[in-house]
C-alpha cells in the first residue's frame, strides 16, 4: 500500500472511532444505530477503507469497554463486510447493494454476541433483527447519500 492509502485508511478509522464515540448511547446495545457504520460504503471506492474500518471498529469497541468477544468478533464483522463491499465493486455489482454486507454480517454476528455474550434476554433471531434494522438505517439512510455525494468526487478523492 502507498503512503497515501495508509493515511486514507487511518483517517477513515479515526472518523469511525469519532462518530461511534460521539453518539455512544445509541452505538451499542440491543437497539443500536452506529452512525459510523454509514462509512461502510467507503470500500466501494477505496480498498484502504477495508483495514481503516476494521481498525476503527476495533478501537471504538475497546474505548467503549465492550466485552473481549465483541471487540474481536464485532470488529471482524466490520472487516468481513468491508471486504465484501470492496469485492462487490470489483465484480461490477450495483452500488445500491454496497451497504448490504454491513447489514447482513453485523446482524448475524453482533446479534449472536448480544444474545450469547451480553445475554440481552431475547433469542438470537430477535437480536439479529434489531441489529439488522439499525444497520439498515445507518448504512442505507446515511451511507447511500454519502456514497452518492462522494461519487461526484471519486476521481479526486480515491484515485
N, C-alpha and C. Protein backbone atom coordinates (compact mmCIF):
# COMPACT_ATOMS: atom_id res chain seq x y z
N UNK A 1 0.84 -1.19 0.00
CA UNK A 1 0.00 0.00 0.00
C UNK A 1 0.87 1.24 0.00
N UNK A 2 0.40 2.25 -0.69
CA UNK A 2 1.14 3.51 -0.72
C UNK A 2 0.91 4.28 0.58
N UNK A 3 1.74 5.27 0.82
CA UNK A 3 1.59 6.12 2.00
C UNK A 3 0.22 6.81 1.95
N UNK A 4 -0.18 7.23 0.78
CA UNK A 4 -1.48 7.89 0.61
C UNK A 4 -2.62 6.95 1.02
N UNK A 5 -2.53 5.70 0.65
CA UNK A 5 -3.57 4.72 1.00
C UNK A 5 -3.57 4.45 2.51
N UNK A 6 -2.40 4.39 3.11
CA UNK A 6 -2.31 4.16 4.56
C UNK A 6 -2.93 5.34 5.31
N UNK A 7 -2.61 6.54 4.87
CA UNK A 7 -3.17 7.74 5.50
C UNK A 7 -4.69 7.77 5.31
N UNK A 8 -5.15 7.42 4.12
CA UNK A 8 -6.59 7.38 3.85
C UNK A 8 -7.28 6.37 4.79
N UNK A 9 -6.69 5.20 4.94
CA UNK A 9 -7.25 4.19 5.83
C UNK A 9 -7.25 4.66 7.28
N UNK A 10 -6.17 5.31 7.69
CA UNK A 10 -6.08 5.82 9.07
C UNK A 10 -7.13 6.90 9.32
N UNK A 11 -7.35 7.76 8.36
CA UNK A 11 -8.37 8.81 8.51
C UNK A 11 -9.77 8.20 8.60
N UNK A 12 -10.03 7.19 7.81
CA UNK A 12 -11.33 6.52 7.85
C UNK A 12 -11.52 5.85 9.21
N UNK A 13 -10.47 5.19 9.70
CA UNK A 13 -10.54 4.55 11.02
C UNK A 13 -10.78 5.57 12.13
N UNK A 14 -10.07 6.69 12.07
CA UNK A 14 -10.24 7.74 13.08
C UNK A 14 -11.65 8.33 13.03
N UNK A 15 -12.17 8.52 11.84
CA UNK A 15 -13.53 9.04 11.69
C UNK A 15 -14.55 8.05 12.24
N UNK A 16 -14.31 6.76 12.02
CA UNK A 16 -15.20 5.72 12.55
C UNK A 16 -15.23 5.80 14.08
N UNK A 17 -14.07 5.90 14.70
CA UNK A 17 -13.99 5.99 16.16
C UNK A 17 -14.71 7.24 16.65
N UNK A 18 -14.43 8.36 16.02
CA UNK A 18 -15.03 9.63 16.43
C UNK A 18 -16.56 9.58 16.35
N UNK A 19 -17.08 9.08 15.24
CA UNK A 19 -18.53 9.01 15.08
C UNK A 19 -19.18 8.03 16.05
N UNK A 20 -18.50 6.93 16.34
CA UNK A 20 -19.03 5.95 17.28
C UNK A 20 -19.09 6.51 18.69
N UNK A 21 -18.02 7.14 19.11
CA UNK A 21 -17.94 7.68 20.47
C UNK A 21 -18.85 8.91 20.62
N UNK A 22 -18.97 9.70 19.58
CA UNK A 22 -19.79 10.92 19.65
C UNK A 22 -21.25 10.62 19.95
N UNK A 23 -21.74 9.49 19.46
CA UNK A 23 -23.14 9.12 19.70
C UNK A 23 -23.19 7.79 20.46
N UNK A 24 -22.30 7.66 21.43
CA UNK A 24 -22.14 6.40 22.16
C UNK A 24 -23.44 5.83 22.72
N UNK A 25 -24.35 6.61 23.24
CA UNK A 25 -25.56 5.99 23.79
C UNK A 25 -26.36 5.17 22.77
N UNK A 26 -26.28 5.51 21.50
CA UNK A 26 -27.01 4.73 20.50
C UNK A 26 -26.09 3.82 19.69
N UNK A 27 -24.81 3.77 20.04
CA UNK A 27 -23.83 2.99 19.28
C UNK A 27 -23.74 1.54 19.71
N UNK A 28 -24.38 1.18 20.81
CA UNK A 28 -24.30 -0.21 21.26
C UNK A 28 -25.59 -0.60 21.97
N UNK A 29 -25.71 -1.88 22.24
CA UNK A 29 -26.90 -2.40 22.89
C UNK A 29 -27.80 -3.11 21.90
N UNK A 30 -28.92 -3.60 22.39
CA UNK A 30 -29.85 -4.33 21.53
C UNK A 30 -30.41 -3.42 20.43
N UNK A 31 -30.85 -2.23 20.82
CA UNK A 31 -31.36 -1.28 19.83
C UNK A 31 -30.26 -0.27 19.56
N UNK A 32 -29.42 -0.57 18.56
CA UNK A 32 -28.28 0.28 18.28
C UNK A 32 -28.32 0.82 16.86
N UNK A 33 -27.78 2.01 16.72
CA UNK A 33 -27.60 2.58 15.39
C UNK A 33 -26.25 3.29 15.40
N UNK A 34 -25.25 2.60 14.91
CA UNK A 34 -23.92 3.20 14.83
C UNK A 34 -23.87 4.09 13.59
N UNK A 35 -23.87 5.37 13.82
CA UNK A 35 -23.78 6.33 12.73
C UNK A 35 -22.52 6.06 11.91
N UNK A 36 -21.47 5.62 12.59
CA UNK A 36 -20.19 5.34 11.93
C UNK A 36 -20.30 4.24 10.88
N UNK A 37 -21.30 3.38 10.99
CA UNK A 37 -21.47 2.29 10.03
C UNK A 37 -21.86 2.81 8.64
N UNK A 38 -22.27 4.06 8.56
CA UNK A 38 -22.52 4.67 7.25
C UNK A 38 -21.24 4.67 6.41
N UNK A 39 -20.10 4.68 7.09
CA UNK A 39 -18.80 4.66 6.39
C UNK A 39 -18.53 3.33 5.70
N UNK A 40 -19.33 2.33 5.98
CA UNK A 40 -19.12 1.01 5.38
C UNK A 40 -19.35 0.99 3.87
N UNK A 41 -19.80 2.09 3.30
CA UNK A 41 -19.90 2.18 1.84
C UNK A 41 -18.56 2.58 1.22
N UNK A 42 -17.63 3.07 2.03
CA UNK A 42 -16.36 3.57 1.50
C UNK A 42 -15.50 2.52 0.78
N UNK A 43 -15.52 1.24 1.18
CA UNK A 43 -14.76 0.26 0.42
C UNK A 43 -15.23 0.11 -1.03
N UNK A 44 -16.42 0.60 -1.32
CA UNK A 44 -16.89 0.59 -2.70
C UNK A 44 -16.00 1.48 -3.56
N UNK A 45 -15.34 2.46 -2.93
CA UNK A 45 -14.43 3.37 -3.65
C UNK A 45 -12.97 3.04 -3.44
N UNK A 46 -12.61 2.68 -2.21
CA UNK A 46 -11.19 2.61 -1.87
C UNK A 46 -10.86 1.36 -1.05
N UNK A 47 -9.90 0.57 -1.50
CA UNK A 47 -9.50 -0.60 -0.73
C UNK A 47 -8.92 -0.24 0.64
N UNK A 48 -8.37 0.97 0.77
CA UNK A 48 -7.80 1.39 2.06
C UNK A 48 -8.87 1.50 3.14
N UNK A 49 -10.12 1.60 2.74
CA UNK A 49 -11.21 1.69 3.72
C UNK A 49 -11.39 0.37 4.46
N UNK A 50 -10.99 -0.74 3.86
CA UNK A 50 -11.19 -2.05 4.50
C UNK A 50 -10.42 -2.14 5.81
N UNK A 51 -9.11 -1.98 5.82
CA UNK A 51 -8.41 -2.02 7.12
C UNK A 51 -8.77 -0.83 8.00
N UNK A 52 -9.05 0.32 7.39
CA UNK A 52 -9.41 1.50 8.18
C UNK A 52 -10.67 1.27 9.00
N UNK A 53 -11.69 0.70 8.38
CA UNK A 53 -12.94 0.42 9.10
C UNK A 53 -12.73 -0.64 10.17
N UNK A 54 -11.96 -1.66 9.86
CA UNK A 54 -11.68 -2.72 10.84
C UNK A 54 -10.99 -2.16 12.07
N UNK A 55 -9.92 -1.42 11.86
CA UNK A 55 -9.17 -0.86 12.99
C UNK A 55 -10.02 0.17 13.74
N UNK A 56 -10.79 0.97 13.01
CA UNK A 56 -11.67 1.94 13.66
C UNK A 56 -12.69 1.27 14.55
N UNK A 57 -13.30 0.20 14.07
CA UNK A 57 -14.28 -0.54 14.86
C UNK A 57 -13.61 -1.18 16.08
N UNK A 58 -12.45 -1.75 15.88
CA UNK A 58 -11.70 -2.38 16.97
C UNK A 58 -11.40 -1.37 18.08
N UNK A 59 -10.89 -0.21 17.70
CA UNK A 59 -10.53 0.83 18.67
C UNK A 59 -11.79 1.37 19.36
N UNK A 60 -12.84 1.61 18.59
CA UNK A 60 -14.08 2.12 19.18
C UNK A 60 -14.65 1.13 20.19
N UNK A 61 -14.62 -0.16 19.86
CA UNK A 61 -15.12 -1.17 20.79
C UNK A 61 -14.27 -1.23 22.06
N UNK A 62 -12.96 -1.07 21.92
CA UNK A 62 -12.09 -1.03 23.10
C UNK A 62 -12.41 0.17 23.97
N UNK A 63 -12.53 1.33 23.36
CA UNK A 63 -12.78 2.56 24.11
C UNK A 63 -14.12 2.49 24.85
N UNK A 64 -15.11 1.88 24.22
CA UNK A 64 -16.44 1.80 24.83
C UNK A 64 -16.52 0.71 25.90
N UNK A 65 -15.45 -0.04 26.08
CA UNK A 65 -15.42 -1.07 27.11
C UNK A 65 -16.22 -2.32 26.76
N UNK A 66 -16.28 -2.63 25.49
CA UNK A 66 -17.00 -3.83 25.05
C UNK A 66 -16.32 -5.09 25.56
N UNK A 67 -17.10 -6.15 25.68
CA UNK A 67 -16.55 -7.45 26.08
C UNK A 67 -15.55 -7.91 25.03
N UNK A 68 -14.54 -8.66 25.44
CA UNK A 68 -13.49 -9.11 24.53
C UNK A 68 -14.04 -9.83 23.29
N UNK A 69 -15.01 -10.75 23.43
CA UNK A 69 -15.54 -11.37 22.20
C UNK A 69 -16.16 -10.36 21.24
N UNK A 70 -16.76 -9.30 21.79
CA UNK A 70 -17.35 -8.26 20.94
C UNK A 70 -16.25 -7.45 20.26
N UNK A 71 -15.20 -7.14 20.99
CA UNK A 71 -14.08 -6.39 20.40
C UNK A 71 -13.54 -7.18 19.20
N UNK A 72 -13.35 -8.48 19.39
CA UNK A 72 -12.77 -9.31 18.33
C UNK A 72 -13.77 -9.59 17.22
N UNK A 73 -14.91 -10.20 17.58
CA UNK A 73 -15.83 -10.66 16.54
C UNK A 73 -16.69 -9.54 15.96
N UNK A 74 -17.00 -8.52 16.75
CA UNK A 74 -17.70 -7.36 16.21
C UNK A 74 -16.84 -6.63 15.19
N UNK A 75 -15.55 -6.53 15.49
CA UNK A 75 -14.62 -5.90 14.55
C UNK A 75 -14.44 -6.76 13.31
N UNK A 76 -14.42 -8.07 13.49
CA UNK A 76 -14.32 -8.96 12.32
C UNK A 76 -15.55 -8.86 11.44
N UNK A 77 -16.72 -8.63 12.03
CA UNK A 77 -17.93 -8.44 11.23
C UNK A 77 -17.76 -7.23 10.31
N UNK A 78 -17.15 -6.18 10.85
CA UNK A 78 -16.90 -4.98 10.04
C UNK A 78 -15.86 -5.27 8.97
N UNK A 79 -14.82 -6.02 9.32
CA UNK A 79 -13.80 -6.39 8.33
C UNK A 79 -14.41 -7.21 7.19
N UNK A 80 -15.20 -8.22 7.53
CA UNK A 80 -15.82 -9.08 6.50
C UNK A 80 -16.75 -8.26 5.61
N UNK A 81 -17.53 -7.38 6.23
CA UNK A 81 -18.47 -6.59 5.42
C UNK A 81 -17.72 -5.60 4.52
N UNK A 82 -16.66 -5.01 5.04
CA UNK A 82 -15.88 -4.06 4.23
C UNK A 82 -15.21 -4.78 3.06
N UNK A 83 -14.65 -5.95 3.32
CA UNK A 83 -14.01 -6.72 2.25
C UNK A 83 -15.05 -7.15 1.20
N UNK A 84 -16.23 -7.54 1.65
CA UNK A 84 -17.28 -7.94 0.71
C UNK A 84 -17.74 -6.75 -0.13
N UNK A 85 -17.86 -5.58 0.49
CA UNK A 85 -18.26 -4.37 -0.25
C UNK A 85 -17.21 -4.02 -1.30
N UNK A 86 -15.95 -4.11 -0.93
CA UNK A 86 -14.89 -3.86 -1.91
C UNK A 86 -14.96 -4.88 -3.05
N UNK A 87 -15.18 -6.14 -2.71
CA UNK A 87 -15.29 -7.18 -3.73
C UNK A 87 -16.48 -6.97 -4.65
N UNK A 88 -17.56 -6.41 -4.13
CA UNK A 88 -18.74 -6.14 -4.96
C UNK A 88 -18.41 -5.13 -6.06
N UNK A 89 -17.66 -4.11 -5.71
CA UNK A 89 -17.29 -3.09 -6.70
C UNK A 89 -16.42 -3.72 -7.78
N UNK A 90 -15.46 -4.52 -7.36
CA UNK A 90 -14.55 -5.17 -8.32
C UNK A 90 -15.29 -6.14 -9.22
N UNK A 91 -16.41 -6.70 -8.73
CA UNK A 91 -17.18 -7.67 -9.51
C UNK A 91 -18.29 -7.03 -10.32
N UNK A 92 -18.42 -5.70 -10.23
CA UNK A 92 -19.41 -5.00 -11.02
C UNK A 92 -20.82 -4.98 -10.46
N UNK A 93 -20.98 -5.24 -9.17
CA UNK A 93 -22.31 -5.22 -8.55
C UNK A 93 -22.82 -3.78 -8.47
N UNK A 94 -24.09 -3.64 -8.36
CA UNK A 94 -24.73 -2.32 -8.26
C UNK A 94 -24.32 -1.62 -6.97
N UNK A 95 -24.13 -0.32 -7.06
CA UNK A 95 -23.78 0.45 -5.88
C UNK A 95 -24.91 0.43 -4.84
N UNK A 96 -26.13 0.15 -5.28
CA UNK A 96 -27.27 0.07 -4.35
C UNK A 96 -27.12 -1.10 -3.37
N UNK A 97 -26.28 -2.05 -3.70
CA UNK A 97 -26.06 -3.19 -2.81
C UNK A 97 -24.85 -2.99 -1.89
N UNK A 98 -24.14 -1.88 -2.05
CA UNK A 98 -22.92 -1.63 -1.26
C UNK A 98 -23.14 -1.74 0.25
N UNK A 99 -24.24 -1.26 0.80
CA UNK A 99 -24.42 -1.37 2.26
C UNK A 99 -24.86 -2.75 2.74
N UNK A 100 -25.30 -3.60 1.84
CA UNK A 100 -25.88 -4.88 2.24
C UNK A 100 -24.94 -5.77 3.06
N UNK A 101 -23.66 -5.92 2.70
CA UNK A 101 -22.79 -6.77 3.53
C UNK A 101 -22.71 -6.31 4.98
N UNK A 102 -22.65 -5.00 5.21
CA UNK A 102 -22.59 -4.49 6.59
C UNK A 102 -23.86 -4.83 7.35
N UNK A 103 -24.99 -4.74 6.68
CA UNK A 103 -26.26 -5.07 7.33
C UNK A 103 -26.27 -6.56 7.70
N UNK A 104 -25.93 -7.41 6.75
CA UNK A 104 -26.04 -8.86 6.98
C UNK A 104 -25.00 -9.39 7.97
N UNK A 105 -23.73 -9.04 7.76
CA UNK A 105 -22.68 -9.55 8.66
C UNK A 105 -22.91 -9.09 10.10
N UNK A 106 -23.25 -7.82 10.27
CA UNK A 106 -23.46 -7.32 11.63
C UNK A 106 -24.71 -7.90 12.26
N UNK A 107 -25.77 -8.06 11.49
CA UNK A 107 -26.99 -8.65 12.04
C UNK A 107 -26.70 -10.03 12.59
N UNK A 108 -26.01 -10.84 11.82
CA UNK A 108 -25.72 -12.22 12.24
C UNK A 108 -24.72 -12.26 13.40
N UNK A 109 -23.58 -11.61 13.24
CA UNK A 109 -22.50 -11.72 14.22
C UNK A 109 -22.79 -10.93 15.49
N UNK A 110 -23.16 -9.67 15.35
CA UNK A 110 -23.43 -8.85 16.53
C UNK A 110 -24.71 -9.33 17.22
N UNK A 111 -25.69 -9.77 16.43
CA UNK A 111 -26.89 -10.36 17.03
C UNK A 111 -26.54 -11.55 17.91
N UNK A 112 -25.63 -12.38 17.44
CA UNK A 112 -25.17 -13.54 18.22
C UNK A 112 -24.48 -13.07 19.51
N UNK A 113 -23.60 -12.08 19.38
CA UNK A 113 -22.87 -11.57 20.54
C UNK A 113 -23.83 -11.00 21.59
N UNK A 114 -24.83 -10.27 21.14
CA UNK A 114 -25.80 -9.69 22.08
C UNK A 114 -26.55 -10.78 22.84
N UNK A 115 -26.93 -11.83 22.14
CA UNK A 115 -27.69 -12.91 22.77
C UNK A 115 -26.83 -13.77 23.68
N UNK A 116 -25.65 -14.16 23.22
CA UNK A 116 -24.87 -15.16 23.94
C UNK A 116 -23.70 -14.62 24.77
N UNK A 117 -23.26 -13.40 24.51
CA UNK A 117 -22.19 -12.80 25.31
C UNK A 117 -22.78 -11.81 26.31
N UNK A 118 -23.67 -10.96 25.82
CA UNK A 118 -24.27 -9.93 26.67
C UNK A 118 -25.58 -10.38 27.32
N UNK A 119 -26.11 -11.52 26.90
CA UNK A 119 -27.35 -12.08 27.48
C UNK A 119 -28.45 -11.02 27.57
N UNK A 120 -28.82 -10.44 26.42
CA UNK A 120 -29.82 -9.38 26.40
C UNK A 120 -31.24 -9.88 26.66
N UNK A 121 -31.43 -11.19 26.75
CA UNK A 121 -32.72 -11.73 27.14
C UNK A 121 -33.70 -11.98 26.00
N UNK A 122 -33.20 -11.93 24.77
CA UNK A 122 -34.05 -12.25 23.63
C UNK A 122 -33.33 -13.28 22.77
N UNK A 123 -34.07 -14.06 22.00
CA UNK A 123 -33.42 -15.04 21.12
C UNK A 123 -32.53 -14.36 20.07
N UNK A 124 -31.60 -15.15 19.55
CA UNK A 124 -30.67 -14.64 18.53
C UNK A 124 -31.41 -14.01 17.36
N UNK A 125 -32.48 -14.62 16.92
CA UNK A 125 -33.21 -14.09 15.75
C UNK A 125 -33.73 -12.68 16.01
N UNK A 126 -34.18 -12.43 17.22
CA UNK A 126 -34.68 -11.09 17.57
C UNK A 126 -33.52 -10.10 17.63
N UNK A 127 -32.42 -10.52 18.25
CA UNK A 127 -31.22 -9.66 18.28
C UNK A 127 -30.76 -9.33 16.87
N UNK A 128 -30.72 -10.34 16.02
CA UNK A 128 -30.28 -10.13 14.63
C UNK A 128 -31.20 -9.15 13.91
N UNK A 129 -32.49 -9.25 14.14
CA UNK A 129 -33.43 -8.32 13.51
C UNK A 129 -33.22 -6.89 13.99
N UNK A 130 -33.02 -6.72 15.29
CA UNK A 130 -32.77 -5.38 15.83
C UNK A 130 -31.48 -4.79 15.26
N UNK A 131 -30.41 -5.58 15.30
CA UNK A 131 -29.13 -5.09 14.78
C UNK A 131 -29.24 -4.81 13.28
N UNK A 132 -29.87 -5.71 12.56
CA UNK A 132 -30.05 -5.51 11.12
C UNK A 132 -30.83 -4.25 10.81
N UNK A 133 -31.86 -3.95 11.59
CA UNK A 133 -32.65 -2.74 11.37
C UNK A 133 -31.81 -1.49 11.63
N UNK A 134 -31.04 -1.50 12.71
CA UNK A 134 -30.16 -0.36 12.99
C UNK A 134 -29.10 -0.19 11.92
N UNK A 135 -28.55 -1.31 11.46
CA UNK A 135 -27.55 -1.26 10.38
C UNK A 135 -28.16 -0.73 9.09
N UNK A 136 -29.37 -1.17 8.78
CA UNK A 136 -30.03 -0.71 7.56
C UNK A 136 -30.22 0.81 7.62
N UNK A 137 -30.62 1.31 8.77
CA UNK A 137 -30.78 2.77 8.91
C UNK A 137 -29.44 3.47 8.70
N UNK A 138 -28.41 2.99 9.39
CA UNK A 138 -27.09 3.63 9.26
C UNK A 138 -26.55 3.54 7.84
N UNK A 139 -26.61 2.34 7.28
CA UNK A 139 -25.94 2.08 6.01
C UNK A 139 -26.72 2.57 4.80
N UNK A 140 -28.03 2.51 4.86
CA UNK A 140 -28.82 2.96 3.71
C UNK A 140 -29.26 4.41 3.84
N UNK A 141 -29.80 4.78 5.00
CA UNK A 141 -30.31 6.15 5.15
C UNK A 141 -29.17 7.16 5.22
N UNK A 142 -28.07 6.80 5.87
CA UNK A 142 -26.92 7.71 5.96
C UNK A 142 -25.82 7.36 4.95
N UNK A 143 -25.59 6.07 4.75
CA UNK A 143 -24.50 5.63 3.88
C UNK A 143 -24.72 5.88 2.40
N UNK A 144 -25.93 5.67 1.93
CA UNK A 144 -26.18 5.86 0.49
C UNK A 144 -26.04 7.32 0.07
N UNK A 145 -26.56 8.30 0.83
CA UNK A 145 -26.29 9.70 0.45
C UNK A 145 -24.79 10.01 0.48
N UNK A 146 -24.07 9.41 1.43
CA UNK A 146 -22.61 9.58 1.46
C UNK A 146 -21.99 9.01 0.20
N UNK A 147 -22.41 7.82 -0.19
CA UNK A 147 -21.88 7.18 -1.39
C UNK A 147 -22.14 8.04 -2.63
N UNK A 148 -23.37 8.52 -2.78
CA UNK A 148 -23.69 9.34 -3.96
C UNK A 148 -23.00 10.69 -3.93
N UNK A 149 -22.84 11.26 -2.73
CA UNK A 149 -22.12 12.52 -2.61
C UNK A 149 -20.65 12.37 -2.96
N UNK A 150 -20.04 11.30 -2.51
CA UNK A 150 -18.62 11.07 -2.78
C UNK A 150 -18.38 10.62 -4.22
N UNK A 151 -19.38 10.03 -4.83
CA UNK A 151 -19.23 9.54 -6.20
C UNK A 151 -18.88 10.69 -7.16
N UNK A 152 -19.38 11.86 -6.87
CA UNK A 152 -19.09 13.04 -7.71
C UNK A 152 -17.61 13.39 -7.68
N UNK A 153 -16.94 13.08 -6.56
CA UNK A 153 -15.54 13.43 -6.36
C UNK A 153 -14.63 12.21 -6.34
N UNK A 154 -15.14 11.09 -6.81
CA UNK A 154 -14.43 9.82 -6.72
C UNK A 154 -13.02 9.89 -7.30
N UNK A 155 -12.87 10.47 -8.47
CA UNK A 155 -11.56 10.52 -9.13
C UNK A 155 -10.55 11.33 -8.32
N UNK A 156 -11.01 12.42 -7.71
CA UNK A 156 -10.11 13.28 -6.94
C UNK A 156 -9.78 12.67 -5.57
N UNK A 157 -10.77 12.08 -4.93
CA UNK A 157 -10.59 11.59 -3.57
C UNK A 157 -9.94 10.20 -3.50
N UNK A 158 -10.27 9.35 -4.45
CA UNK A 158 -9.89 7.94 -4.33
C UNK A 158 -9.00 7.45 -5.46
N UNK A 159 -8.41 8.33 -6.22
CA UNK A 159 -7.55 7.92 -7.33
C UNK A 159 -6.27 7.31 -6.83
